[in-house]
């Protein structure tokens, strides 16, 4: 029998991709067939045909990117039982939790994340949890103190009863699972723990409603009259595992970096640098860094090269002392710790030192001038230059030659949350689209990295998929408007019904939707979930991603710089299945909803014209008039934007505000008048 100590903790298992590859190639074949058909008939049709050809070329390119990335999909099987036998050799870990605005991000949600991390099944003397508060909020600090008190009770409870779900809000949302033999003791402790958690939630909720949650004693004096965006660094040790107890509570540290109005803070990347998801890409060079649920080796974050090149750097380390200070800053203590890590000194010893003695150095490192004339944000830490610091950093790491691993245990180790409302969702996707386009066009572009770094070609294609999100909005919007244009002018962009070529777009539509539905259901999702994903992808593309492209252009021209917009995370304290309004789309007066409403008005007008035959007697463009194909396509667009149609008749946050309706109506009227006069 193999020694369990020598057995791997996980293994890569290639997926059976035959059916998926056949489907991918079939869709690609149909796309190319449609392009060839259009090219062969280009001379006998108008610019409508040419425009459709251009859009479909873009869609074909996107499908090639997807096919390339998904071709070698793999899974990773993990072995937690083997891990339990290797506790002594596991490395020390620093866990970072970031928050920026206690009014937009409920502190109780942040604290649930912290408490979950403190209770992970890992030696506590090898863990440290850092909460980076970019808002410098006294509420967040207070919530962390109270959460640490609850964690001192929660962690032993989890270990005693082998609790699997260690996020308290998830654990207490279900009835307790009684263990045989100790039901009475367990139930008593369970009730007591639930009461303590409810008390914690109430304390934090009440504190969030006040400007000051408690008396300003010595611990809170640093927050007295603090000015947002203009304050000194604040570093507080909330709890220190002084006894080096593996079954105790990990270190808990609060960090709020220095902020000054005249210093650019590089958004979340700057905050994370103070503290220093993907089966297809896992089969190439590895999944991209998605911003959360990621573990990085310190050497990688510090800009070190893979093992083959690492030995050379170790040999020359003594001559690199000055270079280390130039790269990492003038903190002697920090530079020494970096040198030890690079030399291979146990990170456990470095991490478990006396934290109180390091507070002075921590305050220096978190100063807003510390990074000046260093390599932070360029070669060291998270990379600056985009609001999507995660993707650009991951690409930089892959460019050095490192590979990443996608670990997806069952059940999932951690679950994230996304903004539930329409405005917050759109804002988040707009921010992502802008930042990703900054990466594509900037000096860190994957296209450049393929030729100048060790970024592999197919890995580059994988990075291209998200970085062109903003650009995808243009052909998507154009194609949607093209359908309405054809109905209004009695022209067609589809092959004639009598032609065999009509089977190409019909087959494309049917196979693609069946394929994605089957794939979605294979992951355990419902038909409703698939449909919501399909329509939301169209809504986001022609609204949030479109505004992301506009935001990038404004930033490029120096008219309006890109900013990191914090999105609101709603506090869900009840079962959403019992909420009659759960899943309903919400709106506000943001211009980001104007394109969607405009499409609804335009297609409604086009359908009226097509169904009632209020069209030119003869086609304005092309050799044949519009028919059932254009009508069905227009109905499909309206069906995709059904939340916007409903929003026209609803009130409150579920209704579309009149300023948005008015702007959209003007744009739709302009489009219809321009098309009809043309």
Foldseek 3Di string as FASTA:
>chain_A
DDDLQPDDQKDKAWDPCPVVLVLLVVLLVLLVVVLVVLVVCVVQFDCLLVLVSVLSVVVSLLSVLVSLLQVGFIAMDGDVVSVVVVQPPDAAAEAEQEDEDCVQEPLVVSLLVVLLVQQDPHQQLRYAYEYEYQFLAPLNVVLNLLSVVLSQLLNVLCVVVVDDDSRVLVQVVDDDDADPPCRVVNVVSVVVSNVSVVVSVVLSVVLSVDRHSDDCDPVNPLSVVDDGQAHAKDKDWSDAPLVSGRSGTHTYMYIHFGGDPVFDQQPVQSSVLLVQAGRSNQSPQAGAFPPPPDGDDSCLQAQHAPPVCLVVCLVCVVVCLVVLCLAQFDLPVVSVVVNCVSNPHRVSVVVRDDVVVCPVVSSLSRYRCRCPSHCRLPRHGFHGQFLRSRRLSRLVSVQSPHGYHHHADPPGSDDDDAAQAQVLNLQVLLRQQLRLLSCCPDPSHLVVSCPVGNNPPSNNSNSVNSSCLLVSLVSLLVVLVSLLLQLAQQHDNADDPPDPSNVSVVCSVVSVLVVQQVVCVVVPDDPVVSLLVVLVSSLSSNFSSPSSVVQNVCCVVVNDNRDNDDGRHDDDSDDLVPPPCRPQYFEDQDLSCLSLLLSLLSLVVSLCCNVVVVHPPARPTGDGGDDPVSNVSSVVSCVSSVQQVVQCVDDDRSHYDPNSNVSSVVVNVVVSVVSNVD
